Amino acid sequence: MGRRFEADYIFFFIPKLLSYLHITLLIVGSSILLGLIIGFLIALPRLYNVPVLRRISGVYVSFFRGTPILIQLFLIYYGLPELLKIVQVDVSKTPVLLFVVLTYSLHTGAYVSEMIRSAVAAVDRGQVEAAYAVGMNGYEAFTRIVMPQALGIALPVFGNLVIGNLKDSSLAFTLGVMEMTGKSETLGTATQHFIEIYIALSLIYFVVSFILQKGFDAAEKRLLRHSRPLADTSSGKTAARPNIFKRLQPGIKKEAPGYEP
């Protein structure tokens, strides 16, 4: 049992935990960056229906989405060195943090691949065909038509993924990585003020998650700033559609037959 609850300890623990925040952010940032690369490579065979690679990527996604990340940490930390010994590669002196980042990167890559696949599929195929009709090639159609819309669709999902990774990074202490959760365990054991240390830890995670959420909300609004809602569901009113003929009107010559200003 811990000692009697003392609120002052919450403010005593917060600075000590914040001194390890950079390790938590390093895990999250590195895994997200590598996960984006892995996820993009995994999504390509499924987007282009490459026969064999499509099945392999499907198995990869199913495994990393269908198993707990804690199990993945143990499998990669304990299992990968044993597999590499078969090919005479010794990774016994590799820092634990690298195994943690690798695990979270592979885990993130599975979700990123699904995010990319679903976001691209959500863009109306007719817009791509229209881009081809006006003379765009495949690269131009993707970068100018598909990608901007897919980014707007995928950004909320990506934001949830980043915040989820932030919370999941607390499991890194199970392998001995001294990040915020690991430090909270040692402080709690030393002081026996477990409730206070967990409240302090929760506050830090909450504030960081809140800042990330607001940042992604702002980015989403910026990406979709040119989009106009066709209906206001809160008021029941329908928003006016932009009048394209008004834009074309200045270009019509006044002397054209039937022209009326």
C-alpha atoms as a PDB file:
ATOM      1  CA  MET A   1       0.000   0.000   0.000  1.00  0.00           C
ATOM      2  CA  GLY A   2       1.128   3.552  -0.739  1.00  0.00           C
ATOM      3  CA  ARG A   3       1.383   6.414   1.665  1.00  0.00           C
ATOM      4  CA  ARG A   4      -1.360   8.942   2.450  1.00  0.00           C
ATOM      5  CA  PHE A   5      -2.381  11.079  -0.529  1.00  0.00           C
ATOM      6  CA  GLU A   6      -0.642  14.478  -0.659  1.00  0.00           C
ATOM      7  CA  ALA A   7      -1.534  16.804  -3.547  1.00  0.00           C
ATOM      8  CA  ASP A   8       1.774  18.693  -3.281  1.00  0.00           C
ATOM      9  CA  TYR A   9       3.580  15.647  -4.605  1.00  0.00           C
ATOM     10  CA  ILE A  10       1.773  16.013  -7.953  1.00  0.00           C
ATOM     11  CA  PHE A  11       3.576  19.297  -8.619  1.00  0.00           C
ATOM     12  CA  PHE A  12       6.783  17.804  -7.246  1.00  0.00           C
ATOM     13  CA  PHE A  13       6.650  14.899  -9.718  1.00  0.00           C
ATOM     14  CA  ILE A  14       5.687  16.827 -12.873  1.00  0.00           C
ATOM     15  CA  PRO A  15       9.134  18.455 -13.495  1.00  0.00           C
ATOM     16  CA  LYS A  16      10.886  15.140 -12.860  1.00  0.00           C
ATOM     17  CA  LEU A  17       8.675  13.376 -15.399  1.00  0.00           C
ATOM     18  CA  LEU A  18       9.015  16.186 -17.940  1.00  0.00           C
ATOM     19  CA  SER A  19      12.771  15.671 -17.961  1.00  0.00           C
ATOM     20  CA  TYR A  20      12.077  12.316 -19.693  1.00  0.00           C
ATOM     21  CA  LEU A  21       9.460  13.645 -22.113  1.00  0.00           C
ATOM     22  CA  HIS A  22      12.044  13.958 -24.888  1.00  0.00           C
ATOM     23  CA  ILE A  23      12.589  10.185 -24.859  1.00  0.00           C
ATOM     24  CA  THR A  24       8.856   9.581 -25.214  1.00  0.00           C
ATOM     25  CA  LEU A  25       8.662  12.086 -28.071  1.00  0.00           C
ATOM     26  CA  LEU A  26      11.725  10.516 -29.692  1.00  0.00           C
ATOM     27  CA  ILE A  27       9.989   7.131 -29.723  1.00  0.00           C
ATOM     28  CA  VAL A  28       6.791   8.612 -31.122  1.00  0.00           C
ATOM     29  CA  GLY A  29       8.445  10.858 -33.715  1.00  0.00           C
ATOM     30  CA  SER A  30      10.861   8.212 -34.995  1.00  0.00           C
ATOM     31  CA  SER A  31       8.196   5.520 -35.226  1.00  0.00           C
ATOM     32  CA  ILE A  32       5.784   7.833 -37.047  1.00  0.00           C
ATOM     33  CA  LEU A  33       8.443   8.924 -39.563  1.00  0.00           C
ATOM     34  CA  LEU A  34       9.606   5.382 -40.289  1.00  0.00           C
ATOM     35  CA  GLY A  35       6.016   4.133 -40.161  1.00  0.00           C
ATOM     36  CA  LEU A  36       5.027   6.569 -42.926  1.00  0.00           C
ATOM     37  CA  ILE A  37       7.757   5.175 -45.178  1.00  0.00           C
ATOM     38  CA  ILE A  38       6.919   1.552 -44.354  1.00  0.00           C
ATOM     39  CA  GLY A  39       3.188   2.170 -44.683  1.00  0.00           C
ATOM     40  CA  PHE A  40       3.587   3.798 -48.093  1.00  0.00           C
ATOM     41  CA  LEU A  41       5.655   0.870 -49.375  1.00  0.00           C
ATOM     42  CA  ILE A  42       3.163  -1.635 -47.973  1.00  0.00           C
ATOM     43  CA  ALA A  43       0.192   0.229 -49.439  1.00  0.00           C
ATOM     44  CA  LEU A  44       1.541   0.296 -53.004  1.00  0.00           C
ATOM     45  CA  PRO A  45       1.044  -3.429 -53.794  1.00  0.00           C
ATOM     46  CA  ARG A  46      -2.525  -3.226 -52.505  1.00  0.00           C
ATOM     47  CA  LEU A  47      -3.293  -0.071 -54.475  1.00  0.00           C
ATOM     48  CA  TYR A  48      -1.907  -1.492 -57.714  1.00  0.00           C
ATOM     49  CA  ASN A  49      -2.989  -5.114 -57.086  1.00  0.00           C
ATOM     50  CA  VAL A  50       0.467  -6.657 -57.407  1.00  0.00           C
ATOM     51  CA  PRO A  51      -0.390 -10.379 -57.016  1.00  0.00           C
ATOM     52  CA  VAL A  52       2.242 -11.847 -54.671  1.00  0.00           C
ATOM     53  CA  LEU A  53       3.249  -8.652 -52.880  1.00  0.00           C
ATOM     54  CA  ARG A  54      -0.414  -7.837 -52.263  1.00  0.00           C
ATOM     55  CA  ARG A  55      -0.830 -11.048 -50.257  1.00  0.00           C
ATOM     56  CA  ILE A  56       2.400 -10.481 -48.315  1.00  0.00           C
ATOM     57  CA  SER A  57       1.397  -6.925 -47.421  1.00  0.00           C
ATOM     58  CA  GLY A  58      -2.048  -8.189 -46.390  1.00  0.00           C
ATOM     59  CA  VAL A  59      -0.502 -10.710 -43.981  1.00  0.00           C
ATOM     60  CA  TYR A  60       1.806  -8.021 -42.587  1.00  0.00           C
ATOM     61  CA  VAL A  61      -1.077  -5.625 -41.966  1.00  0.00           C
ATOM     62  CA  SER A  62      -3.246  -8.330 -40.420  1.00  0.00           C
ATOM     63  CA  PHE A  63      -0.496  -9.424 -38.027  1.00  0.00           C
ATOM     64  CA  PHE A  64       0.478  -5.996 -36.736  1.00  0.00           C
ATOM     65  CA  ARG A  65      -3.117  -4.815 -36.472  1.00  0.00           C
ATOM     66  CA  GLY A  66      -4.355  -8.050 -34.931  1.00  0.00           C
ATOM     67  CA  THR A  67      -1.808  -8.606 -32.155  1.00  0.00           C
ATOM     68  CA  PRO A  68      -1.117  -6.500 -29.038  1.00  0.00           C
ATOM     69  CA  ILE A  69       1.824  -4.155 -29.345  1.00  0.00           C
ATOM     70  CA  LEU A  70       3.207  -5.514 -26.066  1.00  0.00           C
ATOM     71  CA  ILE A  71       3.521  -8.964 -27.660  1.00  0.00           C
ATOM     72  CA  GLN A  72       5.168  -7.372 -30.691  1.00  0.00           C
ATOM     73  CA  LEU A  73       7.717  -5.686 -28.433  1.00  0.00           C
ATOM     74  CA  PHE A  74       8.647  -9.007 -26.840  1.00  0.00           C
ATOM     75  CA  LEU A  75       8.755 -10.853 -30.166  1.00  0.00           C
ATOM     76  CA  ILE A  76      11.074  -8.331 -31.793  1.00  0.00           C
ATOM     77  CA  TYR A  77      13.271  -7.729 -28.742  1.00  0.00           C
ATOM     78  CA  TYR A  78      13.742 -11.401 -27.874  1.00  0.00           C
ATOM     79  CA  GLY A  79      13.017 -13.095 -31.190  1.00  0.00           C
ATOM     80  CA  LEU A  80      14.792 -10.935 -33.757  1.00  0.00           C
ATOM     81  CA  PRO A  81      18.303 -11.424 -32.262  1.00  0.00           C
ATOM     82  CA  GLU A  82      17.777 -15.196 -32.319  1.00  0.00           C
ATOM     83  CA  LEU A  83      16.766 -15.102 -35.982  1.00  0.00           C
ATOM     84  CA  LEU A  84      19.755 -12.927 -36.877  1.00  0.00           C
ATOM     85  CA  LYS A  85      22.092 -15.389 -35.177  1.00  0.00           C
ATOM     86  CA  ILE A  86      21.199 -17.853 -37.924  1.00  0.00           C
ATOM     87  CA  VAL A  87      22.880 -15.571 -40.464  1.00  0.00           C
ATOM     88  CA  GLN A  88      25.781 -14.828 -38.097  1.00  0.00           C
ATOM     89  CA  VAL A  89      24.623 -11.318 -37.147  1.00  0.00           C
ATOM     90  CA  ASP A  90      25.115 -10.332 -33.521  1.00  0.00           C
ATOM     91  CA  VAL A  91      22.845  -7.568 -32.230  1.00  0.00           C
ATOM     92  CA  SER A  92      23.278  -8.289 -28.540  1.00  0.00           C
ATOM     93  CA  LYS A  93      24.908  -4.884 -27.972  1.00  0.00           C
ATOM     94  CA  THR A  94      22.195  -2.947 -29.812  1.00  0.00           C
ATOM     95  CA  PRO A  95      20.461  -0.386 -27.548  1.00  0.00           C
ATOM     96  CA  VAL A  96      17.004  -1.423 -26.406  1.00  0.00           C
ATOM     97  CA  LEU A  97      15.620   1.869 -27.673  1.00  0.00           C
ATOM     98  CA  LEU A  98      16.295   0.796 -31.276  1.00  0.00           C
ATOM     99  CA  PHE A  99      14.210  -2.353 -30.825  1.00  0.00           C
ATOM    100  CA  VAL A 100      11.415  -0.245 -29.359  1.00  0.00           C
ATOM    101  CA  VAL A 101      11.499   2.224 -32.256  1.00  0.00           C
ATOM    102  CA  LEU A 102      11.591  -0.641 -34.772  1.00  0.00           C
ATOM    103  CA  THR A 103       8.565  -2.295 -33.181  1.00  0.00           C
ATOM    104  CA  TYR A 104       6.526   0.879 -33.078  1.00  0.00           C
ATOM    105  CA  SER A 105       7.550   1.707 -36.656  1.00  0.00           C
ATOM    106  CA  LEU A 106       6.350  -1.666 -37.966  1.00  0.00           C
ATOM    107  CA  HIS A 107       3.176  -1.349 -35.926  1.00  0.00           C
ATOM    108  CA  THR A 108       2.537   2.160 -37.240  1.00  0.00           C
ATOM    109  CA  GLY A 109       3.327   1.136 -40.814  1.00  0.00           C
ATOM    110  CA  ALA A 110       0.444  -1.347 -40.811  1.00  0.00           C
ATOM    111  CA  TYR A 111      -2.045   1.350 -39.835  1.00  0.00           C
ATOM    112  CA  VAL A 112      -0.533   3.928 -42.185  1.00  0.00           C
ATOM    113  CA  SER A 113      -0.854   1.546 -45.140  1.00  0.00           C
ATOM    114  CA  GLU A 114      -4.557   1.102 -44.436  1.00  0.00           C
ATOM    115  CA  MET A 115      -4.944   4.852 -43.982  1.00  0.00           C
ATOM    116  CA  ILE A 116      -3.326   5.555 -47.355  1.00  0.00           C
ATOM    117  CA  ARG A 117      -5.291   2.839 -49.138  1.00  0.00           C
ATOM    118  CA  SER A 118      -8.659   3.943 -47.787  1.00  0.00           C
ATOM    119  CA  ALA A 119      -7.959   7.669 -48.337  1.00  0.00           C
ATOM    120  CA  VAL A 120      -6.952   7.150 -51.977  1.00  0.00           C
ATOM    121  CA  ALA A 121      -9.934   4.866 -52.573  1.00  0.00           C
ATOM    122  CA  ALA A 122     -12.269   7.508 -51.112  1.00  0.00           C
ATOM    123  CA  VAL A 123     -11.426   9.987 -53.891  1.00  0.00           C
ATOM    124  CA  ASP A 124     -14.004   9.814 -56.672  1.00  0.00           C
ATOM    125  CA  ARG A 125     -12.618   7.907 -59.637  1.00  0.00           C
ATOM    126  CA  GLY A 126     -14.492  10.244 -61.962  1.00  0.00           C
ATOM    127  CA  GLN A 127     -12.203  13.095 -60.981  1.00  0.00           C
ATOM    128  CA  VAL A 128      -9.175  11.091 -62.095  1.00  0.00           C
ATOM    129  CA  GLU A 129     -10.831  10.289 -65.406  1.00  0.00           C
ATOM    130  CA  ALA A 130     -11.647  13.972 -65.836  1.00  0.00           C
ATOM    131  CA  ALA A 131      -7.993  14.815 -65.184  1.00  0.00           C
ATOM    132  CA  TYR A 132      -6.948  12.393 -67.910  1.00  0.00           C
ATOM    133  CA  ALA A 133      -9.543  13.940 -70.224  1.00  0.00           C
ATOM    134  CA  VAL A 134      -7.983  17.410 -69.896  1.00  0.00           C
ATOM    135  CA  GLY A 135      -4.516  16.075 -70.698  1.00  0.00           C
ATOM    136  CA  MET A 136      -2.961  15.241 -67.328  1.00  0.00           C
ATOM    137  CA  ASN A 137      -0.737  12.199 -67.036  1.00  0.00           C
ATOM    138  CA  GLY A 138      -0.883   9.725 -64.142  1.00  0.00           C
ATOM    139  CA  TYR A 139       1.623  11.598 -61.991  1.00  0.00           C
ATOM    140  CA  GLU A 140      -0.117  14.947 -62.450  1.00  0.00           C
ATOM    141  CA  ALA A 141      -3.533  13.441 -61.759  1.00  0.00           C
ATOM    142  CA  PHE A 142      -2.268  11.872 -58.544  1.00  0.00           C
ATOM    143  CA  THR A 143      -0.338  14.895 -57.207  1.00  0.00           C
ATOM    144  CA  ARG A 144      -2.863  17.565 -58.236  1.00  0.00           C
ATOM    145  CA  ILE A 145      -6.201  15.779 -57.886  1.00  0.00           C
ATOM    146  CA  VAL A 146      -5.954  12.640 -55.738  1.00  0.00           C
ATOM    147  CA  MET A 147      -3.270  13.498 -53.191  1.00  0.00           C
ATOM    148  CA  PRO A 148      -4.672  16.842 -51.901  1.00  0.00           C
ATOM    149  CA  GLN A 149      -8.081  15.262 -51.276  1.00  0.00           C
ATOM    150  CA  ALA A 150      -6.595  12.076 -49.834  1.00  0.00           C
ATOM    151  CA  LEU A 151      -4.510  14.120 -47.387  1.00  0.00           C
ATOM    152  CA  GLY A 152      -7.597  15.912 -46.148  1.00  0.00           C
ATOM    153  CA  ILE A 153      -9.385  12.588 -45.666  1.00  0.00           C
ATOM    154  CA  ALA A 154      -6.437  10.861 -44.001  1.00  0.00           C
ATOM    155  CA  LEU A 155      -5.329  13.647 -41.666  1.00  0.00           C
ATOM    156  CA  PRO A 156      -7.890  13.002 -38.876  1.00  0.00           C
ATOM    157  CA  VAL A 157      -7.007   9.297 -38.929  1.00  0.00           C
ATOM    158  CA  PHE A 158      -3.311  10.140 -38.883  1.00  0.00           C
ATOM    159  CA  GLY A 159      -3.841  12.471 -35.927  1.00  0.00           C
ATOM    160  CA  ASN A 160      -5.554   9.694 -33.982  1.00  0.00           C
ATOM    161  CA  LEU A 161      -2.689   7.371 -34.874  1.00  0.00           C
ATOM    162  CA  VAL A 162      -0.057   9.797 -33.552  1.00  0.00           C
ATOM    163  CA  ILE A 163      -1.946  10.325 -30.295  1.00  0.00           C
ATOM    164  CA  GLY A 164      -2.454   6.568 -29.983  1.00  0.00           C
ATOM    165  CA  ASN A 165       1.281   6.032 -30.445  1.00  0.00           C
ATOM    166  CA  LEU A 166       1.974   8.596 -27.751  1.00  0.00           C
ATOM    167  CA  LYS A 167      -0.103   6.613 -25.287  1.00  0.00           C
ATOM    168  CA  ASP A 168       1.227   3.241 -26.451  1.00  0.00           C
ATOM    169  CA  SER A 169       4.796   4.442 -25.943  1.00  0.00           C
ATOM    170  CA  SER A 170       4.189   3.954 -22.216  1.00  0.00           C
ATOM    171  CA  LEU A 171       4.740   0.226 -22.789  1.00  0.00           C
ATOM    172  CA  ALA A 172       8.388   0.799 -23.704  1.00  0.00           C
ATOM    173  CA  PHE A 173       9.312   0.678 -20.014  1.00  0.00           C
ATOM    174  CA  THR A 174       8.546  -3.076 -20.028  1.00  0.00           C
ATOM    175  CA  LEU A 175      11.836  -3.524 -21.914  1.00  0.00           C
ATOM    176  CA  GLY A 176      13.715  -1.223 -19.552  1.00  0.00           C
ATOM    177  CA  VAL A 177      13.541   2.014 -21.550  1.00  0.00           C
ATOM    178  CA  MET A 178      13.529   4.898 -19.109  1.00  0.00           C
ATOM    179  CA  GLU A 179      10.841   7.165 -20.565  1.00  0.00           C
ATOM    180  CA  MET A 180       8.113   8.930 -18.606  1.00  0.00           C
ATOM    181  CA  THR A 181       6.215   5.826 -17.559  1.00  0.00           C
ATOM    182  CA  GLY A 182       9.412   4.032 -16.586  1.00  0.00           C
ATOM    183  CA  LYS A 183      10.496   7.020 -14.524  1.00  0.00           C
ATOM    184  CA  SER A 184       7.078   7.119 -12.832  1.00  0.00           C
ATOM    185  CA  GLU A 185       7.520   3.512 -11.758  1.00  0.00           C
ATOM    186  CA  THR A 186      10.872   4.203 -10.136  1.00  0.00           C
ATOM    187  CA  LEU A 187       9.606   7.387  -8.451  1.00  0.00           C
ATOM    188  CA  GLY A 188       6.495   5.620  -7.218  1.00  0.00           C
ATOM    189  CA  THR A 189       8.525   2.772  -5.765  1.00  0.00           C
ATOM    190  CA  ALA A 190      10.955   5.171  -4.086  1.00  0.00           C
ATOM    191  CA  THR A 191       8.343   7.484  -2.555  1.00  0.00           C
ATOM    192  CA  GLN A 192       5.324   5.165  -2.252  1.00  0.00           C
ATOM    193  CA  HIS A 193       3.132   8.016  -3.535  1.00  0.00           C
ATOM    194  CA  PHE A 194       1.692   6.073  -6.460  1.00  0.00           C
ATOM    195  CA  ILE A 195      -1.569   7.989  -6.856  1.00  0.00           C
ATOM    196  CA  GLU A 196       0.217  11.330  -7.067  1.00  0.00           C
ATOM    197  CA  ILE A 197       2.758  10.086  -9.606  1.00  0.00           C
ATOM    198  CA  TYR A 198       0.060   8.602 -11.837  1.00  0.00           C
ATOM    199  CA  ILE A 199      -1.997  11.794 -11.674  1.00  0.00           C
ATOM    200  CA  ALA A 200       1.079  13.803 -12.669  1.00  0.00           C
ATOM    201  CA  LEU A 201       1.799  11.376 -15.508  1.00  0.00           C
ATOM    202  CA  SER A 202      -1.808  11.536 -16.715  1.00  0.00           C
ATOM    203  CA  LEU A 203      -1.735  15.324 -16.758  1.00  0.00           C
ATOM    204  CA  ILE A 204       1.386  15.375 -18.921  1.00  0.00           C
ATOM    205  CA  TYR A 205      -0.026  12.862 -21.405  1.00  0.00           C
ATOM    206  CA  PHE A 206      -3.300  14.774 -21.518  1.00  0.00           C
ATOM    207  CA  VAL A 207      -1.651  18.141 -22.201  1.00  0.00           C
ATOM    208  CA  VAL A 208       0.628  16.745 -24.927  1.00  0.00           C
ATOM    209  CA  SER A 209      -2.308  14.913 -26.541  1.00  0.00           C
ATOM    210  CA  PHE A 210      -4.413  18.074 -26.399  1.00  0.00           C
ATOM    211  CA  ILE A 211      -1.698  20.125 -28.102  1.00  0.00           C
ATOM    212  CA  LEU A 212      -1.301  17.497 -30.821  1.00  0.00           C
ATOM    213  CA  GLN A 213      -5.043  17.329 -31.354  1.00  0.00           C
ATOM    214  CA  LYS A 214      -5.328  21.103 -31.749  1.00  0.00           C
ATOM    215  CA  GLY A 215      -2.389  21.080 -34.157  1.00  0.00           C
ATOM    216  CA  PHE A 216      -3.987  18.426 -36.345  1.00  0.00           C
ATOM    217  CA  ASP A 217      -7.338  20.241 -36.235  1.00  0.00           C
ATOM    218  CA  ALA A 218      -5.655  23.409 -37.490  1.00  0.00           C
ATOM    219  CA  ALA A 219      -3.844  21.483 -40.226  1.00  0.00           C
ATOM    220  CA  GLU A 220      -7.082  19.817 -41.307  1.00  0.00           C
ATOM    221  CA  LYS A 221      -8.869  23.163 -41.570  1.00  0.00           C
ATOM    222  CA  ARG A 222      -6.012  24.535 -43.644  1.00  0.00           C
ATOM    223  CA  LEU A 223      -6.063  21.564 -46.014  1.00  0.00           C
ATOM    224  CA  LEU A 224      -9.831  21.789 -46.449  1.00  0.00           C
ATOM    225  CA  ARG A 225     -10.018  25.593 -46.515  1.00  0.00           C
ATOM    226  CA  HIS A 226     -11.182  25.579 -50.154  1.00  0.00           C
ATOM    227  CA  SER A 227     -13.947  23.081 -49.512  1.00  0.00           C
ATOM    228  CA  ARG A 228     -17.450  24.377 -48.880  1.00  0.00           C
ATOM    229  CA  PRO A 229     -20.116  22.373 -47.090  1.00  0.00           C
ATOM    230  CA  LEU A 230     -23.209  21.912 -49.224  1.00  0.00           C
ATOM    231  CA  ALA A 231     -25.475  21.551 -46.229  1.00  0.00           C
ATOM    232  CA  ASP A 232     -25.489  22.912 -42.691  1.00  0.00           C
ATOM    233  CA  THR A 233     -26.877  20.031 -40.681  1.00  0.00           C
ATOM    234  CA  SER A 234     -26.985  22.028 -37.450  1.00  0.00           C
ATOM    235  CA  SER A 235     -29.340  24.699 -38.799  1.00  0.00           C
ATOM    236  CA  GLY A 236     -31.063  22.628 -41.433  1.00  0.00           C
ATOM    237  CA  LYS A 237     -30.144  25.156 -44.123  1.00  0.00           C
ATOM    238  CA  THR A 238     -28.424  24.359 -47.383  1.00  0.00           C
ATOM    239  CA  ALA A 239     -25.340  26.392 -48.197  1.00  0.00           C
ATOM    240  CA  ALA A 240     -25.341  28.212 -51.501  1.00  0.00           C
ATOM    241  CA  ARG A 241     -23.313  26.620 -54.246  1.00  0.00           C
ATOM    242  CA  PRO A 242     -20.668  28.797 -55.885  1.00  0.00           C
ATOM    243  CA  ASN A 243     -21.936  30.382 -59.109  1.00  0.00           C
ATOM    244  CA  ILE A 244     -19.369  29.448 -61.729  1.00  0.00           C
ATOM    245  CA  PHE A 245     -21.100  31.589 -64.339  1.00  0.00           C
ATOM    246  CA  LYS A 246     -20.295  34.695 -62.292  1.00  0.00           C
ATOM    247  CA  ARG A 247     -16.615  33.869 -62.637  1.00  0.00           C
ATOM    248  CA  LEU A 248     -16.945  33.367 -66.377  1.00  0.00           C
ATOM    249  CA  GLN A 249     -19.030  36.516 -66.938  1.00  0.00           C
ATOM    250  CA  PRO A 250     -16.150  39.035 -67.074  1.00  0.00           C
ATOM    251  CA  GLY A 251     -14.592  37.000 -69.877  1.00  0.00           C
ATOM    252  CA  ILE A 252     -17.650  37.231 -72.116  1.00  0.00           C
ATOM    253  CA  LYS A 253     -17.433  39.956 -74.701  1.00  0.00           C
ATOM    254  CA  LYS A 254     -20.157  42.517 -74.438  1.00  0.00           C
ATOM    255  CA  GLU A 255     -20.682  42.537 -78.155  1.00  0.00           C
ATOM    256  CA  ALA A 256     -21.485  38.827 -78.217  1.00  0.00           C
ATOM    257  CA  PRO A 257     -25.028  38.083 -79.395  1.00  0.00           C
ATOM    258  CA  GLY A 258     -27.498  37.699 -76.588  1.00  0.00           C
ATOM    259  CA  TYR A 259     -25.191  39.208 -73.975  1.00  0.00           C
ATOM    260  CA  GLU A 260     -26.955  40.934 -71.104  1.00  0.00           C
ATOM    261  CA  PRO A 261     -24.926  42.535 -68.304  1.00  0.00           C
END
